[in-house]
Amino acid sequence: MGSNHQNHAPNEVVVVMVPLPAQGHLNQLLHLSRLISSYNIPVHFTGTPSHNRQAKIRVHGWDQTSDLTDMIQFHDFTIPPFLCPPPDPNAPHKFPSHLLPSFEATTLLRNPVAALLRKLASETRRVVVIHDSLMASVIQDVGSIVNSESYTFHTVSAFTIFLYLWEPMGKPPQLEGVDVKIPDNVPGLEDCFPDEFLDFIAAQYEYMKYNSGNIYNASKTIEGEYIDLLNKLGDNKKHWAIGPFNPVSISEKKEGGSNSGTRHVCLDWLDKQEANSVIYVSFGTTTTMNEELIKELAIGLEQSNQKFIWVLRDADRGDLFIEGEQVRKAELPKGYEERVKDRGVVVRDWAPQLEILSHKATAWFLSHCGWNSCMESITVGVPIACWPMHSDQPRNTVLVTRVLKVGIVIRDWERRDEPVTSSMVKDGVKKLMGSGEAYEIRKRAGELGTAVRKSMGEDGASRVELSSFIAHITR
């Protein structure tokens, strides 16, 4: 071997990320990329140019400038343009069906991703693919590359996935002699997903045969019982709970600091509020509300006399950067922002959710209960006021309120077809700041947050689990 060759020893192992192009999915795999790269493993993040750009500009909670470019290599793969309808505020169900064309279009990433995998496989000892569970068809060529293996990443809670796998088995009350403890009356999947999306899921699951294991943005501290049960399903697959992926100590953006952006103005407003006095209201990146609902929510928040930060945005489109697209700006009652300015802020751009949640002034999170939001809130010890809209959110609500007991139901999923009134919002929000039950829940959320943060420390459960996954892929 010439000395030259030794200086350029090939990377032993590289990781390739293949996310679904929706914010809650991009975000989780970008956070995971950072965790894996901290073990000095090169990470390749694949996607369309606009979705990679979306992931990068919205990442929060860590110093992107240095972390993003050093260890994570982005691959922009162009696909033919796809139809990108705007979200429909008046659709009977809240699922973001307008994103389906972008999901379908990304199945065309298969060839460029396969070419990247083959190139990396020729240069390294092992290529490890971590793909969104809904992107299995894109990585199907892993089966023909000898030194590659793939892991399925589930973007939802271990609790939700366990139910999804356990129910078709006939809900056995025990698995390997361990009792399955599930609360009564867990909502079914009716109205959670449209048929077209269920068909898309089914088509992806056809390709799961290449899977070498499953990864969750979950933590044994939060969902240990369900992670253990997943490992008893008899599928001979290993299930790793290596969350929370999001940073647990938040590097705040300081004016003129090393961080790329300036600090968001809502954080300056929060600085002026008392500890535990503000309710953060956000329904995520896939919820679109009609004018009527926005009006009732606005009036309810105003009449509650509580302090709030309300992120009021339309759902994301399949491509955030299409030129000349008009994004709907929700109408608020006349003079609203002026009237509430002393105790409420309406944010219409991208909000730094992790920074808001970890701010000492934030007391509660009024949320749709998407899994990203749940994990972020639980990690920083902020209790959740649950208002599920679609997908896994009704079941996450059960986990948050009835299993973990770190939240309250504001809007019951069973009543999803009834109109929402401002008085319902007002009463729900006032209850959050009361004593008694609300206080107990806040206390429990604080304790769970402390335990989760500890689990990410040196010998903590989540850190051990992550190191065990790294040891496995670099074996």
Protein backbone atom coordinates (compact mmCIF):
# COMPACT_ATOMS: atom_id res chain seq x y z
CA MET A 1 0.00 0.00 0.00
CA GLY A 2 1.48 3.36 -0.96
CA SER A 3 1.66 5.89 1.86
CA ASN A 4 -0.62 8.09 -0.19
CA HIS A 5 -3.48 5.64 0.15
CA GLN A 6 -3.25 5.51 3.93
CA ASN A 7 -3.75 9.26 4.17
CA HIS A 8 -7.04 8.92 2.37
CA ALA A 9 -8.49 5.92 4.15
CA PRO A 10 -12.11 5.57 3.06
CA ASN A 11 -14.84 6.42 5.48
CA GLU A 12 -15.75 3.27 7.30
CA VAL A 13 -19.46 4.04 7.47
CA VAL A 14 -21.67 6.76 6.03
CA VAL A 15 -25.32 7.50 6.72
CA VAL A 16 -27.84 8.59 4.08
CA MET A 17 -31.07 10.30 5.19
CA VAL A 18 -34.22 10.02 3.07
CA PRO A 19 -37.01 12.15 4.62
CA LEU A 20 -40.62 12.61 3.53
CA PRO A 21 -40.96 16.21 2.30
CA ALA A 22 -43.21 17.56 5.05
CA GLN A 23 -41.92 19.83 7.80
CA GLY A 24 -42.56 17.50 10.75
CA HIS A 25 -40.62 14.80 8.91
CA LEU A 26 -37.75 16.89 7.48
CA ASN A 27 -37.16 18.48 10.87
CA GLN A 28 -36.82 15.22 12.77
CA LEU A 29 -34.31 13.67 10.36
CA LEU A 30 -32.26 16.87 10.25
CA HIS A 31 -32.04 16.86 14.05
CA LEU A 32 -31.08 13.16 13.92
CA SER A 33 -28.40 13.98 11.31
CA ARG A 34 -26.80 16.32 13.81
CA LEU A 35 -26.85 13.69 16.58
CA ILE A 36 -25.26 11.06 14.32
CA SER A 37 -22.66 13.44 12.94
CA SER A 38 -21.56 14.19 16.52
CA TYR A 39 -20.09 10.64 16.43
CA ASN A 40 -17.91 11.72 13.47
CA ILE A 41 -19.99 9.78 10.97
CA PRO A 42 -20.56 11.62 7.68
CA VAL A 43 -24.25 12.20 6.94
CA HIS A 44 -25.79 12.72 3.48
CA PHE A 45 -29.22 14.40 3.49
CA THR A 46 -31.23 13.86 0.30
CA GLY A 47 -34.24 15.65 -1.14
CA THR A 48 -35.50 18.11 -3.73
CA PRO A 49 -33.80 21.52 -3.75
CA SER A 50 -36.82 23.26 -2.25
CA HIS A 51 -37.34 20.70 0.53
CA ASN A 52 -33.67 20.74 1.51
CA ARG A 53 -33.82 24.52 1.59
CA GLN A 54 -36.98 24.35 3.74
CA ALA A 55 -35.27 22.00 6.20
CA LYS A 56 -32.22 24.26 6.48
CA ILE A 57 -33.92 27.62 6.92
CA ARG A 58 -36.31 26.32 9.57
CA VAL A 59 -33.94 24.36 11.75
CA HIS A 60 -33.87 25.75 15.28
CA GLY A 61 -32.41 25.16 18.71
CA TRP A 62 -28.77 24.80 17.61
CA ASP A 63 -26.10 26.87 15.98
CA GLN A 64 -26.77 25.98 12.36
CA THR A 65 -23.95 27.96 10.81
CA SER A 66 -21.20 25.63 11.96
CA ASP A 67 -23.18 22.42 12.53
CA LEU A 68 -25.03 22.24 9.24
CA THR A 69 -22.21 22.48 6.77
CA ASP A 70 -19.39 20.66 8.54
CA MET A 71 -20.84 17.20 8.92
CA ILE A 72 -24.02 17.10 6.87
CA GLN A 73 -23.84 17.05 3.10
CA PHE A 74 -27.05 18.02 1.29
CA HIS A 75 -27.88 16.44 -2.07
CA ASP A 76 -30.38 18.42 -4.13
CA PHE A 77 -32.10 16.05 -6.56
CA THR A 78 -34.35 17.71 -9.10
CA ILE A 79 -37.64 16.03 -9.96
CA PRO A 80 -40.21 17.12 -12.56
CA PRO A 81 -42.55 19.89 -11.36
CA PHE A 82 -45.68 18.66 -9.60
CA LEU A 83 -49.08 20.20 -9.05
CA CYS A 84 -49.06 22.11 -5.81
CA PRO A 85 -52.60 23.09 -4.74
CA PRO A 86 -53.13 25.51 -1.85
CA PRO A 87 -54.50 24.13 1.42
CA ASP A 88 -58.30 24.10 1.58
CA PRO A 89 -59.58 25.78 4.76
CA ASN A 90 -63.10 24.46 4.16
CA ALA A 91 -62.27 20.79 3.62
CA PRO A 92 -64.47 18.53 5.78
CA HIS A 93 -61.40 16.91 7.35
CA LYS A 94 -58.21 18.61 8.49
CA PHE A 95 -55.69 16.20 6.95
CA PRO A 96 -53.39 18.17 4.56
CA SER A 97 -54.50 16.39 1.39
CA HIS A 98 -52.98 19.22 -0.67
CA LEU A 99 -49.53 17.75 0.20
CA LEU A 100 -50.28 14.38 -1.41
CA PRO A 101 -49.00 15.42 -4.88
CA SER A 102 -45.64 16.33 -3.35
CA PHE A 103 -45.46 12.95 -1.56
CA GLU A 104 -46.31 11.11 -4.79
CA ALA A 105 -43.77 13.16 -6.73
CA THR A 106 -40.91 12.21 -4.41
CA THR A 107 -41.21 8.57 -5.42
CA LEU A 108 -39.22 9.87 -8.45
CA LEU A 109 -36.20 10.30 -6.17
CA ARG A 110 -35.58 6.56 -6.45
CA ASN A 111 -33.04 6.73 -9.32
CA PRO A 112 -30.88 9.63 -8.06
CA VAL A 113 -30.89 8.16 -4.53
CA ALA A 114 -29.90 4.72 -5.88
CA ALA A 115 -27.05 6.31 -7.87
CA LEU A 116 -25.80 8.08 -4.72
CA LEU A 117 -26.02 4.84 -2.69
CA ARG A 118 -24.03 2.91 -5.32
CA LYS A 119 -21.36 5.61 -5.49
CA LEU A 120 -21.01 5.72 -1.68
CA ALA A 121 -21.05 1.92 -1.48
CA SER A 122 -18.05 1.76 -3.81
CA GLU A 123 -16.08 4.14 -1.55
CA THR A 124 -16.99 2.94 1.94
CA ARG A 125 -17.24 -0.19 4.02
CA ARG A 126 -20.94 0.26 4.75
CA VAL A 127 -23.75 2.58 3.66
CA VAL A 128 -26.50 2.98 6.24
CA VAL A 129 -29.79 4.36 4.94
CA ILE A 130 -32.24 5.90 7.39
CA HIS A 131 -35.50 6.54 5.58
CA ASP A 132 -38.89 7.86 6.53
CA SER A 133 -41.36 4.99 6.80
CA LEU A 134 -43.27 6.65 3.93
CA MET A 135 -40.22 6.71 1.62
CA ALA A 136 -39.56 2.97 1.48
CA SER A 137 -40.08 2.73 -2.29
CA VAL A 138 -37.36 5.35 -2.87
CA ILE A 139 -34.70 3.17 -1.22
CA GLN A 140 -35.83 -0.18 -2.62
CA ASP A 141 -32.47 -0.58 -4.44
CA VAL A 142 -30.74 -1.13 -1.09
CA GLY A 143 -31.65 -4.79 -1.60
CA SER A 144 -29.18 -5.03 -4.50
CA ILE A 145 -26.24 -3.21 -2.85
CA VAL A 146 -24.25 -5.72 -0.83
CA ASN A 147 -22.68 -3.38 1.73
CA SER A 148 -25.77 -1.31 2.47
CA GLU A 149 -28.56 -1.67 5.02
CA SER A 150 -31.63 0.38 5.75
CA TYR A 151 -33.48 1.45 8.88
CA THR A 152 -37.04 2.67 8.93
CA PHE A 153 -37.65 5.90 10.80
CA HIS A 154 -41.15 6.31 12.24
CA THR A 155 -42.01 9.98 12.71
CA VAL A 156 -44.74 9.26 15.26
CA SER A 157 -44.79 8.07 18.87
CA ALA A 158 -43.96 4.51 19.87
CA PHE A 159 -47.44 4.42 21.46
CA THR A 160 -49.11 5.20 18.10
CA ILE A 161 -47.00 2.70 16.15
CA PHE A 162 -47.59 0.03 18.77
CA LEU A 163 -51.38 0.47 18.46
CA TYR A 164 -51.10 0.39 14.67
CA LEU A 165 -49.33 -2.99 14.78
CA TRP A 166 -51.16 -4.47 17.79
CA GLU A 167 -54.74 -3.84 16.64
CA PRO A 168 -54.57 -6.01 13.48
CA MET A 169 -53.18 -8.83 15.67
CA GLY A 170 -56.54 -8.82 17.48
CA LYS A 171 -55.31 -6.78 20.48
CA PRO A 172 -53.86 -9.65 22.52
CA PRO A 173 -54.00 -8.62 26.22
CA GLN A 174 -50.48 -9.99 26.76
CA LEU A 175 -47.30 -10.16 24.69
CA GLU A 176 -44.66 -12.65 25.86
CA GLY A 177 -46.37 -12.71 29.24
CA VAL A 178 -46.33 -8.92 29.64
CA ASP A 179 -49.67 -7.16 30.14
CA VAL A 180 -50.57 -4.62 27.47
CA LYS A 181 -51.89 -1.56 29.28
CA ILE A 182 -53.81 0.70 26.90
CA PRO A 183 -56.35 3.27 28.16
CA ASP A 184 -60.02 2.61 27.35
CA ASN A 185 -61.71 4.25 24.38
CA VAL A 186 -58.64 5.10 22.33
CA PRO A 187 -60.02 6.81 19.21
CA GLY A 188 -60.03 4.80 16.00
CA LEU A 189 -58.44 6.04 12.78
CA GLU A 190 -61.71 7.26 11.26
CA ASP A 191 -61.35 10.79 9.80
CA CYS A 192 -57.63 10.79 10.66
CA PHE A 193 -56.39 9.97 7.15
CA PRO A 194 -58.02 10.15 3.68
CA ASP A 195 -58.16 6.95 1.62
CA GLU A 196 -55.58 8.25 -0.90
CA PHE A 197 -53.06 8.63 1.91
CA LEU A 198 -53.82 5.17 3.34
CA ASP A 199 -53.20 3.79 -0.17
CA PHE A 200 -49.88 5.64 -0.28
CA ILE A 201 -48.89 4.15 3.11
CA ALA A 202 -49.87 0.64 1.97
CA ALA A 203 -47.80 1.03 -1.21
CA GLN A 204 -44.75 2.06 0.86
CA TYR A 205 -45.15 -0.81 3.30
CA GLU A 206 -44.75 -3.23 0.37
CA TYR A 207 -41.04 -2.31 0.37
CA MET A 208 -40.40 -2.84 4.07
CA LYS A 209 -38.75 -6.20 3.47
CA TYR A 210 -35.36 -4.49 3.18
CA ASN A 211 -35.64 -3.08 6.68
CA SER A 212 -32.91 -3.96 9.21
CA GLY A 213 -34.59 -2.25 12.18
CA ASN A 214 -36.75 0.64 13.32
CA ILE A 215 -35.87 4.03 14.77
CA TYR A 216 -38.15 6.28 16.79
CA ASN A 217 -37.90 9.86 17.98
CA ALA A 218 -39.05 8.49 21.30
CA SER A 219 -37.51 8.05 24.70
CA LYS A 220 -37.72 5.24 27.21
CA THR A 221 -38.18 7.93 29.85
CA ILE A 222 -41.47 8.86 28.15
CA GLU A 223 -42.65 5.70 26.39
CA GLY A 224 -40.52 2.90 27.83
CA GLU A 225 -43.49 0.59 28.23
CA TYR A 226 -44.50 0.83 24.55
CA ILE A 227 -40.94 0.53 23.26
CA ASP A 228 -40.58 -2.69 25.28
CA LEU A 229 -43.87 -3.95 23.83
CA LEU A 230 -42.72 -3.13 20.27
CA ASN A 231 -39.73 -5.37 20.87
CA LYS A 232 -42.14 -8.18 21.83
CA LEU A 233 -44.23 -8.10 18.64
CA GLY A 234 -42.34 -11.07 17.25
CA ASP A 235 -41.16 -9.35 14.06
CA ASN A 236 -37.50 -10.08 14.96
CA LYS A 237 -36.70 -6.45 14.23
CA LYS A 238 -34.85 -4.24 16.67
CA HIS A 239 -36.64 -1.07 17.76
CA TRP A 240 -34.39 1.81 18.87
CA ALA A 241 -35.82 4.75 20.79
CA ILE A 242 -33.15 7.39 20.38
CA GLY A 243 -35.10 10.57 21.03
CA PRO A 244 -35.53 13.33 21.78
CA PHE A 245 -33.83 14.34 18.53
CA ASN A 246 -34.36 18.03 19.25
CA PRO A 247 -31.65 19.74 21.31
CA VAL A 248 -32.49 19.62 25.00
CA SER A 249 -30.50 22.68 25.96
CA ILE A 250 -31.44 25.47 23.63
CA SER A 251 -28.79 27.80 22.25
CA GLU A 252 -30.67 31.08 22.15
CA LYS A 253 -30.12 33.44 19.28
CA LYS A 254 -28.50 36.55 20.69
CA GLU A 255 -28.33 39.82 18.79
CA GLY A 256 -25.09 39.95 16.85
CA GLY A 257 -24.01 36.57 18.24
CA SER A 258 -22.39 33.80 16.27
CA ASN A 259 -25.79 32.63 15.12
CA SER A 260 -26.93 33.34 11.62
CA GLY A 261 -30.32 34.94 12.25
CA THR A 262 -31.34 37.74 14.55
CA ARG A 263 -33.56 36.96 17.49
CA HIS A 264 -37.28 36.71 16.77
CA VAL A 265 -39.24 39.68 18.10
CA CYS A 266 -41.70 37.46 20.00
CA LEU A 267 -38.80 36.37 22.25
CA ASP A 268 -38.13 40.01 23.19
CA TRP A 269 -41.81 40.27 24.14
CA LEU A 270 -41.54 37.08 26.22
CA ASP A 271 -38.56 38.53 28.10
CA LYS A 272 -40.89 41.19 29.51
CA GLN A 273 -43.47 38.71 30.84
CA GLU A 274 -43.53 37.03 34.23
CA ALA A 275 -42.47 33.40 34.63
CA ASN A 276 -45.17 30.86 33.68
CA SER A 277 -47.63 33.52 32.53
CA VAL A 278 -47.91 32.94 28.77
CA ILE A 279 -49.80 30.35 26.70
CA TYR A 280 -48.12 29.45 23.42
CA VAL A 281 -50.72 28.64 20.73
CA SER A 282 -49.70 26.84 17.54
CA PHE A 283 -51.36 24.20 15.37
CA GLY A 284 -48.31 23.11 13.41
CA THR A 285 -47.42 23.22 9.74
CA THR A 286 -50.23 21.07 8.33
CA THR A 287 -53.37 22.59 9.85
CA THR A 288 -55.52 25.02 7.90
CA MET A 289 -58.37 26.77 9.70
CA ASN A 290 -61.37 28.43 8.13
CA GLU A 291 -62.22 32.08 8.84
CA GLU A 292 -64.97 31.15 11.29
CA LEU A 293 -62.68 29.00 13.44
CA ILE A 294 -59.94 31.65 13.43
CA LYS A 295 -62.47 34.26 14.56
CA GLU A 296 -63.78 32.13 17.45
CA LEU A 297 -60.25 31.28 18.54
CA ALA A 298 -59.25 34.96 18.42
CA ILE A 299 -62.23 36.09 20.49
CA GLY A 300 -61.80 33.23 22.98
CA LEU A 301 -58.12 34.09 23.51
CA GLU A 302 -58.98 37.76 23.95
CA GLN A 303 -61.80 37.11 26.42
CA SER A 304 -59.73 34.70 28.50
CA ASN A 305 -57.62 37.65 29.69
CA GLN A 306 -54.57 35.38 29.59
CA LYS A 307 -51.26 36.27 27.96
CA PHE A 308 -50.55 34.42 24.73
CA ILE A 309 -48.33 34.03 21.67
CA TRP A 310 -50.40 32.76 18.77
CA VAL A 311 -48.75 31.46 15.62
CA LEU A 312 -51.34 32.06 12.93
CA ARG A 313 -50.20 30.62 9.61
CA ASP A 314 -51.75 28.66 6.81
CA ALA A 315 -50.59 25.08 6.34
CA ASP A 316 -47.38 24.61 4.37
CA ARG A 317 -47.63 24.02 0.65
CA GLY A 318 -45.84 21.19 -1.12
CA ASP A 319 -43.26 23.76 -2.26
CA LEU A 320 -42.73 26.81 -0.04
CA PHE A 321 -40.72 28.68 -2.65
CA ILE A 322 -42.95 28.81 -5.72
CA GLU A 323 -42.61 32.32 -7.13
CA GLY A 324 -45.63 34.58 -7.20
CA GLU A 325 -47.84 32.34 -5.09
CA GLN A 326 -50.34 34.16 -2.94
CA VAL A 327 -50.40 32.74 0.58
CA ARG A 328 -53.68 33.37 2.35
CA LYS A 329 -53.39 35.78 5.26
CA ALA A 330 -55.99 34.92 7.86
CA GLU A 331 -58.32 37.77 8.78
CA LEU A 332 -58.60 38.72 12.45
CA PRO A 333 -61.49 40.74 13.93
CA LYS A 334 -61.12 44.47 13.21
CA GLY A 335 -58.62 46.16 15.53
CA TYR A 336 -57.78 42.85 17.21
CA GLU A 337 -53.98 43.08 17.37
CA GLU A 338 -54.16 46.64 18.68
CA ARG A 339 -56.63 45.62 21.41
CA VAL A 340 -54.61 42.64 22.65
CA LYS A 341 -51.12 44.08 22.20
CA ASP A 342 -50.41 44.32 25.94
CA ARG A 343 -51.08 40.67 26.56
CA GLY A 344 -50.99 38.91 23.23
CA VAL A 345 -48.76 38.60 20.18
CA VAL A 346 -49.85 37.16 16.83
CA VAL A 347 -46.93 35.70 14.86
CA ARG A 348 -47.55 35.22 11.15
CA ASP A 349 -44.09 34.09 10.05
CA TRP A 350 -42.00 31.08 11.04
CA ALA A 351 -41.82 30.97 14.85
CA PRO A 352 -38.83 29.59 16.78
CA GLN A 353 -40.92 27.03 18.64
CA LEU A 354 -38.15 25.44 20.72
CA GLU A 355 -36.96 28.83 21.95
CA ILE A 356 -40.52 29.89 22.81
CA LEU A 357 -41.27 26.65 24.66
CA SER A 358 -38.04 26.75 26.64
CA HIS A 359 -38.56 30.38 27.68
CA LYS A 360 -39.29 30.76 31.39
CA ALA A 361 -42.38 32.90 30.65
CA THR A 362 -44.12 30.05 28.76
CA ALA A 363 -46.58 28.12 30.94
CA TRP A 364 -48.61 26.00 28.49
CA PHE A 365 -48.62 24.90 24.88
CA LEU A 366 -52.04 24.88 23.19
CA SER A 367 -51.23 22.41 20.44
CA HIS A 368 -52.57 20.10 17.72
CA CYS A 369 -50.39 17.37 19.28
CA GLY A 370 -48.22 16.57 16.28
CA TRP A 371 -45.40 14.34 17.52
CA ASN A 372 -42.64 16.93 16.96
CA SER A 373 -44.53 19.44 19.05
CA CYS A 374 -45.28 16.90 21.78
CA MET A 375 -41.63 15.87 22.02
CA GLU A 376 -40.38 19.46 22.11
CA SER A 377 -42.90 20.44 24.77
CA ILE A 378 -42.29 17.37 26.96
CA THR A 379 -38.50 17.84 26.68
CA VAL A 380 -38.63 21.37 28.06
CA GLY A 381 -41.25 20.46 30.68
CA VAL A 382 -44.16 22.50 29.30
CA PRO A 383 -47.62 20.89 29.68
CA ILE A 384 -49.83 20.52 26.60
CA ALA A 385 -53.40 21.71 26.06
CA CYS A 386 -54.53 19.26 23.36
CA TRP A 387 -56.61 20.13 20.31
CA PRO A 388 -56.01 17.28 17.82
CA MET A 389 -56.74 17.90 14.14
CA HIS A 390 -55.84 14.76 12.12
CA SER A 391 -53.38 11.88 11.59
CA ASP A 392 -51.73 10.54 14.78
CA GLN A 393 -52.81 13.59 16.82
CA PRO A 394 -55.94 12.10 18.47
CA ARG A 395 -53.86 9.17 19.73
CA ASN A 396 -51.00 11.40 20.84
CA THR A 397 -53.62 13.27 22.86
CA VAL A 398 -54.43 10.03 24.72
CA LEU A 399 -50.72 9.48 25.40
CA VAL A 400 -50.20 13.03 26.67
CA THR A 401 -53.34 13.35 28.81
CA ARG A 402 -54.16 9.83 29.99
CA VAL A 403 -50.88 7.90 29.97
CA LEU A 404 -48.29 10.56 30.82
CA LYS A 405 -50.79 12.94 32.48
CA VAL A 406 -48.88 16.02 31.32
CA GLY A 407 -51.75 17.62 29.43
CA ILE A 408 -55.42 18.56 29.31
CA VAL A 409 -57.91 18.07 26.46
CA ILE A 410 -59.15 21.44 25.21
CA ARG A 411 -61.06 20.15 22.21
CA ASP A 412 -62.26 16.57 22.35
CA TRP A 413 -61.64 14.64 19.10
CA GLU A 414 -65.03 12.96 19.51
CA ARG A 415 -66.64 16.38 19.07
CA ARG A 416 -64.64 17.31 15.99
CA ASP A 417 -67.75 17.86 13.84
CA GLU A 418 -69.37 20.32 16.23
CA PRO A 419 -68.77 24.04 15.73
CA VAL A 420 -66.15 25.66 17.95
CA THR A 421 -67.29 28.65 20.00
CA SER A 422 -65.25 31.43 21.51
CA SER A 423 -66.67 30.66 24.96
CA MET A 424 -65.35 27.10 24.70
CA VAL A 425 -61.90 28.47 23.87
CA LYS A 426 -62.12 31.06 26.65
CA ASP A 427 -63.15 28.50 29.30
CA GLY A 428 -60.49 26.01 28.16
CA VAL A 429 -57.71 28.57 28.27
CA LYS A 430 -58.77 29.97 31.65
CA LYS A 431 -58.72 26.44 33.09
CA LEU A 432 -55.03 26.16 32.18
CA MET A 433 -54.00 28.94 34.50
CA GLY A 434 -56.17 27.78 37.39
CA SER A 435 -55.08 25.91 40.48
CA GLY A 436 -55.88 22.29 41.31
CA GLU A 437 -55.67 19.91 38.37
CA ALA A 438 -53.87 22.35 36.06
CA TYR A 439 -51.22 23.03 38.67
CA GLU A 440 -50.64 19.29 39.24
CA ILE A 441 -50.27 18.72 35.50
CA ARG A 442 -47.80 21.60 35.18
CA LYS A 443 -45.77 20.13 38.02
CA ARG A 444 -45.75 16.64 36.46
CA ALA A 445 -44.73 18.07 33.07
CA GLY A 446 -41.82 19.86 34.74
CA GLU A 447 -40.66 16.65 36.41
CA LEU A 448 -40.94 14.60 33.21
CA GLY A 449 -38.99 17.28 31.31
CA THR A 450 -36.18 17.11 33.85
CA ALA A 451 -36.05 13.31 33.55
CA VAL A 452 -35.96 13.46 29.73
CA ARG A 453 -33.16 16.02 29.70
CA LYS A 454 -31.23 13.86 32.15
CA SER A 455 -31.72 10.83 29.87
CA MET A 456 -29.72 12.66 27.17
CA GLY A 457 -26.77 13.23 29.55
CA GLU A 458 -23.61 11.15 29.71
CA ASP A 459 -25.01 7.82 30.97
CA GLY A 460 -28.70 8.58 30.45
CA ALA A 461 -31.08 6.04 28.87
CA SER A 462 -31.51 7.92 25.57
CA ARG A 463 -27.79 8.57 25.19
CA VAL A 464 -27.06 4.87 25.85
CA GLU A 465 -29.68 3.86 23.27
CA LEU A 466 -28.20 6.23 20.66
CA SER A 467 -24.68 4.93 21.34
CA SER A 468 -25.96 1.37 20.99
CA PHE A 469 -27.44 2.22 17.57
CA ILE A 470 -24.16 3.85 16.50
CA ALA A 471 -22.21 0.81 17.73
CA HIS A 472 -24.57 -1.42 15.73
CA ILE A 473 -24.21 0.43 12.43
CA THR A 474 -20.42 0.74 12.81
CA ARG A 475 -19.92 -2.87 13.97
